Amino acid sequence: MMSMVGEIYGESVGSVVTTAAGGSFAILGQGLKFLATRAVGFVPVIGPAIKMTIAGLTIEAIGHGIVGHFERKYPGKTFQKA
């Protein structure tokens, strides 16, 4: 995701940066997965819906964080289709 958003802003994101960010996001994801699994134990009927909601919100938050990073780095630059 970070590479794709970086390309929109005209920046080539290197593999080292992508790997470092991916590791951080993997740790964050594992923590959220643990919390979701614990929460599902208390509500077994709608547990899968809770897990899907948490996964979707996590992906959304990571995407907003990446876009926010590039927007702060390149203020005023907007995405335009070629």
N, C-alpha and C. Protein backbone atom coordinates (compact mmCIF):
# COMPACT_ATOMS: atom_id res chain seq x y z
N MET A 1 0.84 -1.19 0.00
CA MET A 1 0.00 0.00 0.00
C MET A 1 0.88 1.24 0.00
N MET A 2 1.96 1.20 0.79
CA MET A 2 2.82 2.37 0.89
C MET A 2 3.50 2.66 -0.46
N SER A 3 3.90 1.64 -1.16
CA SER A 3 4.54 1.83 -2.47
C SER A 3 3.56 2.43 -3.47
N MET A 4 2.32 1.95 -3.46
CA MET A 4 1.32 2.45 -4.41
C MET A 4 0.99 3.92 -4.13
N VAL A 5 0.82 4.28 -2.88
CA VAL A 5 0.52 5.67 -2.54
C VAL A 5 1.72 6.55 -2.84
N GLY A 6 2.92 6.04 -2.56
CA GLY A 6 4.13 6.80 -2.87
C GLY A 6 4.27 7.09 -4.35
N GLU A 7 3.91 6.13 -5.19
CA GLU A 7 3.97 6.34 -6.64
C GLU A 7 3.00 7.43 -7.08
N ILE A 8 1.85 7.53 -6.43
CA ILE A 8 0.89 8.58 -6.77
C ILE A 8 1.51 9.95 -6.53
N TYR A 9 2.31 10.07 -5.47
CA TYR A 9 2.96 11.34 -5.16
C TYR A 9 4.30 11.50 -5.87
N GLY A 10 4.65 10.54 -6.72
CA GLY A 10 5.87 10.65 -7.50
C GLY A 10 7.12 10.25 -6.75
N GLU A 11 7.00 9.50 -5.69
CA GLU A 11 8.15 9.08 -4.90
C GLU A 11 8.27 7.56 -4.96
N SER A 12 9.48 7.12 -5.25
CA SER A 12 9.74 5.69 -5.26
C SER A 12 10.14 5.27 -3.85
N VAL A 13 9.31 4.48 -3.21
CA VAL A 13 9.57 4.03 -1.85
C VAL A 13 10.45 2.79 -1.94
N GLY A 14 11.60 2.84 -1.29
CA GLY A 14 12.54 1.74 -1.34
C GLY A 14 12.08 0.52 -0.57
N SER A 15 12.71 -0.60 -0.86
CA SER A 15 12.32 -1.85 -0.22
C SER A 15 12.64 -1.85 1.27
N VAL A 16 13.70 -1.16 1.67
CA VAL A 16 14.06 -1.11 3.10
C VAL A 16 12.99 -0.37 3.90
N VAL A 17 12.54 0.76 3.36
CA VAL A 17 11.49 1.54 4.03
C VAL A 17 10.19 0.74 4.09
N THR A 18 9.85 0.09 2.98
CA THR A 18 8.63 -0.70 2.93
C THR A 18 8.69 -1.86 3.91
N THR A 19 9.85 -2.52 3.99
CA THR A 19 10.01 -3.63 4.91
C THR A 19 9.92 -3.17 6.36
N ALA A 20 10.54 -2.05 6.68
CA ALA A 20 10.48 -1.53 8.04
C ALA A 20 9.06 -1.15 8.43
N ALA A 21 8.37 -0.48 7.52
CA ALA A 21 6.98 -0.11 7.80
C ALA A 21 6.10 -1.34 7.90
N GLY A 22 6.35 -2.31 7.03
CA GLY A 22 5.57 -3.55 7.06
C GLY A 22 5.73 -4.30 8.37
N GLY A 23 6.94 -4.32 8.90
CA GLY A 23 7.17 -4.97 10.19
C GLY A 23 6.42 -4.27 11.31
N SER A 24 6.42 -2.95 11.28
CA SER A 24 5.69 -2.19 12.30
C SER A 24 4.20 -2.45 12.20
N PHE A 25 3.68 -2.47 10.97
CA PHE A 25 2.26 -2.72 10.79
C PHE A 25 1.89 -4.15 11.16
N ALA A 26 2.81 -5.10 10.94
CA ALA A 26 2.55 -6.50 11.31
C ALA A 26 2.42 -6.63 12.82
N ILE A 27 3.28 -5.95 13.55
CA ILE A 27 3.21 -5.99 15.02
C ILE A 27 1.91 -5.36 15.49
N LEU A 28 1.53 -4.23 14.90
CA LEU A 28 0.27 -3.58 15.24
C LEU A 28 -0.91 -4.49 14.95
N GLY A 29 -0.85 -5.15 13.80
CA GLY A 29 -1.93 -6.05 13.41
C GLY A 29 -2.07 -7.24 14.35
N GLN A 30 -0.94 -7.79 14.80
CA GLN A 30 -0.99 -8.91 15.73
C GLN A 30 -1.59 -8.49 17.07
N GLY A 31 -1.25 -7.28 17.51
CA GLY A 31 -1.83 -6.78 18.76
C GLY A 31 -3.34 -6.60 18.64
N LEU A 32 -3.77 -6.04 17.53
CA LEU A 32 -5.21 -5.86 17.33
C LEU A 32 -5.93 -7.20 17.17
N LYS A 33 -5.26 -8.15 16.53
CA LYS A 33 -5.85 -9.48 16.37
C LYS A 33 -6.04 -10.14 17.74
N PHE A 34 -5.06 -9.98 18.61
CA PHE A 34 -5.16 -10.53 19.97
C PHE A 34 -6.34 -9.91 20.70
N LEU A 35 -6.44 -8.59 20.64
CA LEU A 35 -7.54 -7.90 21.32
C LEU A 35 -8.90 -8.31 20.74
N ALA A 36 -8.96 -8.45 19.41
CA ALA A 36 -10.21 -8.85 18.78
C ALA A 36 -10.61 -10.26 19.20
N THR A 37 -9.63 -11.16 19.27
CA THR A 37 -9.92 -12.53 19.68
C THR A 37 -10.45 -12.57 21.10
N ARG A 38 -9.86 -11.77 21.97
CA ARG A 38 -10.35 -11.71 23.36
C ARG A 38 -11.76 -11.14 23.42
N ALA A 39 -12.03 -10.11 22.64
CA ALA A 39 -13.36 -9.49 22.66
C ALA A 39 -14.41 -10.43 22.11
N VAL A 40 -14.04 -11.22 21.10
CA VAL A 40 -14.98 -12.16 20.49
C VAL A 40 -15.38 -13.24 21.49
N GLY A 41 -14.50 -13.57 22.41
CA GLY A 41 -14.82 -14.58 23.41
C GLY A 41 -16.01 -14.19 24.27
N PHE A 42 -16.25 -12.91 24.41
CA PHE A 42 -17.37 -12.45 25.23
C PHE A 42 -18.68 -12.37 24.43
N VAL A 43 -18.58 -12.31 23.11
CA VAL A 43 -19.76 -12.19 22.27
C VAL A 43 -19.64 -13.22 21.13
N PRO A 44 -19.92 -14.48 21.41
CA PRO A 44 -19.67 -15.52 20.41
C PRO A 44 -20.59 -15.48 19.18
N VAL A 45 -21.77 -14.95 19.28
CA VAL A 45 -22.72 -15.00 18.17
C VAL A 45 -22.30 -14.08 17.03
N ILE A 46 -21.85 -12.87 17.35
CA ILE A 46 -21.46 -11.91 16.32
C ILE A 46 -19.94 -11.74 16.25
N GLY A 47 -19.21 -12.71 16.74
CA GLY A 47 -17.75 -12.64 16.77
C GLY A 47 -17.11 -12.41 15.41
N PRO A 48 -17.48 -13.17 14.37
CA PRO A 48 -16.87 -12.93 13.06
C PRO A 48 -17.11 -11.52 12.52
N ALA A 49 -18.27 -10.97 12.78
CA ALA A 49 -18.55 -9.60 12.34
C ALA A 49 -17.65 -8.60 13.06
N ILE A 50 -17.40 -8.85 14.33
CA ILE A 50 -16.51 -7.97 15.10
C ILE A 50 -15.10 -8.04 14.52
N LYS A 51 -14.63 -9.26 14.23
CA LYS A 51 -13.29 -9.41 13.66
C LYS A 51 -13.16 -8.69 12.32
N MET A 52 -14.16 -8.84 11.45
CA MET A 52 -14.11 -8.19 10.14
C MET A 52 -14.14 -6.67 10.28
N THR A 53 -14.91 -6.18 11.21
CA THR A 53 -14.98 -4.74 11.42
C THR A 53 -13.64 -4.19 11.88
N ILE A 54 -13.02 -4.88 12.82
CA ILE A 54 -11.71 -4.44 13.32
C ILE A 54 -10.67 -4.49 12.21
N ALA A 55 -10.68 -5.54 11.40
CA ALA A 55 -9.73 -5.65 10.28
C ALA A 55 -9.94 -4.52 9.29
N GLY A 56 -11.17 -4.23 8.94
CA GLY A 56 -11.46 -3.15 8.00
C GLY A 56 -11.04 -1.79 8.53
N LEU A 57 -11.34 -1.54 9.80
CA LEU A 57 -10.96 -0.26 10.39
C LEU A 57 -9.45 -0.11 10.49
N THR A 58 -8.75 -1.22 10.75
CA THR A 58 -7.30 -1.17 10.83
C THR A 58 -6.69 -0.82 9.48
N ILE A 59 -7.18 -1.47 8.42
CA ILE A 59 -6.67 -1.18 7.08
C ILE A 59 -6.97 0.26 6.70
N GLU A 60 -8.15 0.72 7.02
CA GLU A 60 -8.54 2.11 6.74
C GLU A 60 -7.61 3.08 7.47
N ALA A 61 -7.33 2.82 8.74
CA ALA A 61 -6.47 3.71 9.53
C ALA A 61 -5.04 3.73 8.99
N ILE A 62 -4.52 2.57 8.60
CA ILE A 62 -3.18 2.51 8.05
C ILE A 62 -3.13 3.30 6.74
N GLY A 63 -4.13 3.14 5.91
CA GLY A 63 -4.19 3.89 4.64
C GLY A 63 -4.23 5.39 4.86
N HIS A 64 -5.04 5.83 5.81
CA HIS A 64 -5.11 7.26 6.12
C HIS A 64 -3.77 7.77 6.66
N GLY A 65 -3.10 6.94 7.45
CA GLY A 65 -1.79 7.33 7.98
C GLY A 65 -0.76 7.51 6.87
N ILE A 66 -0.75 6.58 5.92
CA ILE A 66 0.20 6.66 4.81
C ILE A 66 -0.10 7.88 3.94
N VAL A 67 -1.36 8.10 3.60
CA VAL A 67 -1.73 9.26 2.78
C VAL A 67 -1.40 10.55 3.54
N GLY A 68 -1.67 10.58 4.83
CA GLY A 68 -1.34 11.76 5.64
C GLY A 68 0.15 12.06 5.63
N HIS A 69 0.97 11.01 5.68
CA HIS A 69 2.42 11.19 5.63
C HIS A 69 2.83 11.88 4.34
N PHE A 70 2.34 11.38 3.21
CA PHE A 70 2.71 11.97 1.93
C PHE A 70 2.09 13.35 1.73
N GLU A 71 0.92 13.60 2.26
CA GLU A 71 0.32 14.94 2.15
C GLU A 71 1.11 15.96 2.95
N ARG A 72 1.64 15.56 4.11
CA ARG A 72 2.48 16.48 4.88
C ARG A 72 3.82 16.70 4.19
N LYS A 73 4.33 15.67 3.53
CA LYS A 73 5.61 15.76 2.86
C LYS A 73 5.51 16.60 1.58
N TYR A 74 4.38 16.50 0.89
CA TYR A 74 4.16 17.24 -0.36
C TYR A 74 2.87 18.05 -0.24
N PRO A 75 2.89 19.15 0.53
CA PRO A 75 1.66 19.93 0.69
C PRO A 75 1.24 20.58 -0.64
N GLY A 76 -0.03 20.55 -0.90
CA GLY A 76 -0.56 21.17 -2.10
C GLY A 76 -0.55 20.29 -3.33
N LYS A 77 0.11 19.15 -3.27
CA LYS A 77 0.14 18.26 -4.43
C LYS A 77 -1.12 17.40 -4.41
N THR A 78 -1.81 17.38 -5.53
CA THR A 78 -3.03 16.61 -5.62
C THR A 78 -2.89 15.51 -6.67
N PHE A 79 -3.67 14.48 -6.52
CA PHE A 79 -3.65 13.38 -7.46
C PHE A 79 -4.42 13.75 -8.71
N GLN A 80 -3.79 13.56 -9.85
CA GLN A 80 -4.45 13.82 -11.12
C GLN A 80 -4.22 12.63 -12.03
N LYS A 81 -5.30 12.17 -12.65
CA LYS A 81 -5.16 11.06 -13.60
C LYS A 81 -4.42 11.53 -14.84
N ALA A 82 -3.60 10.65 -15.36
CA ALA A 82 -2.81 11.01 -16.55
C ALA A 82 -3.64 10.93 -17.81
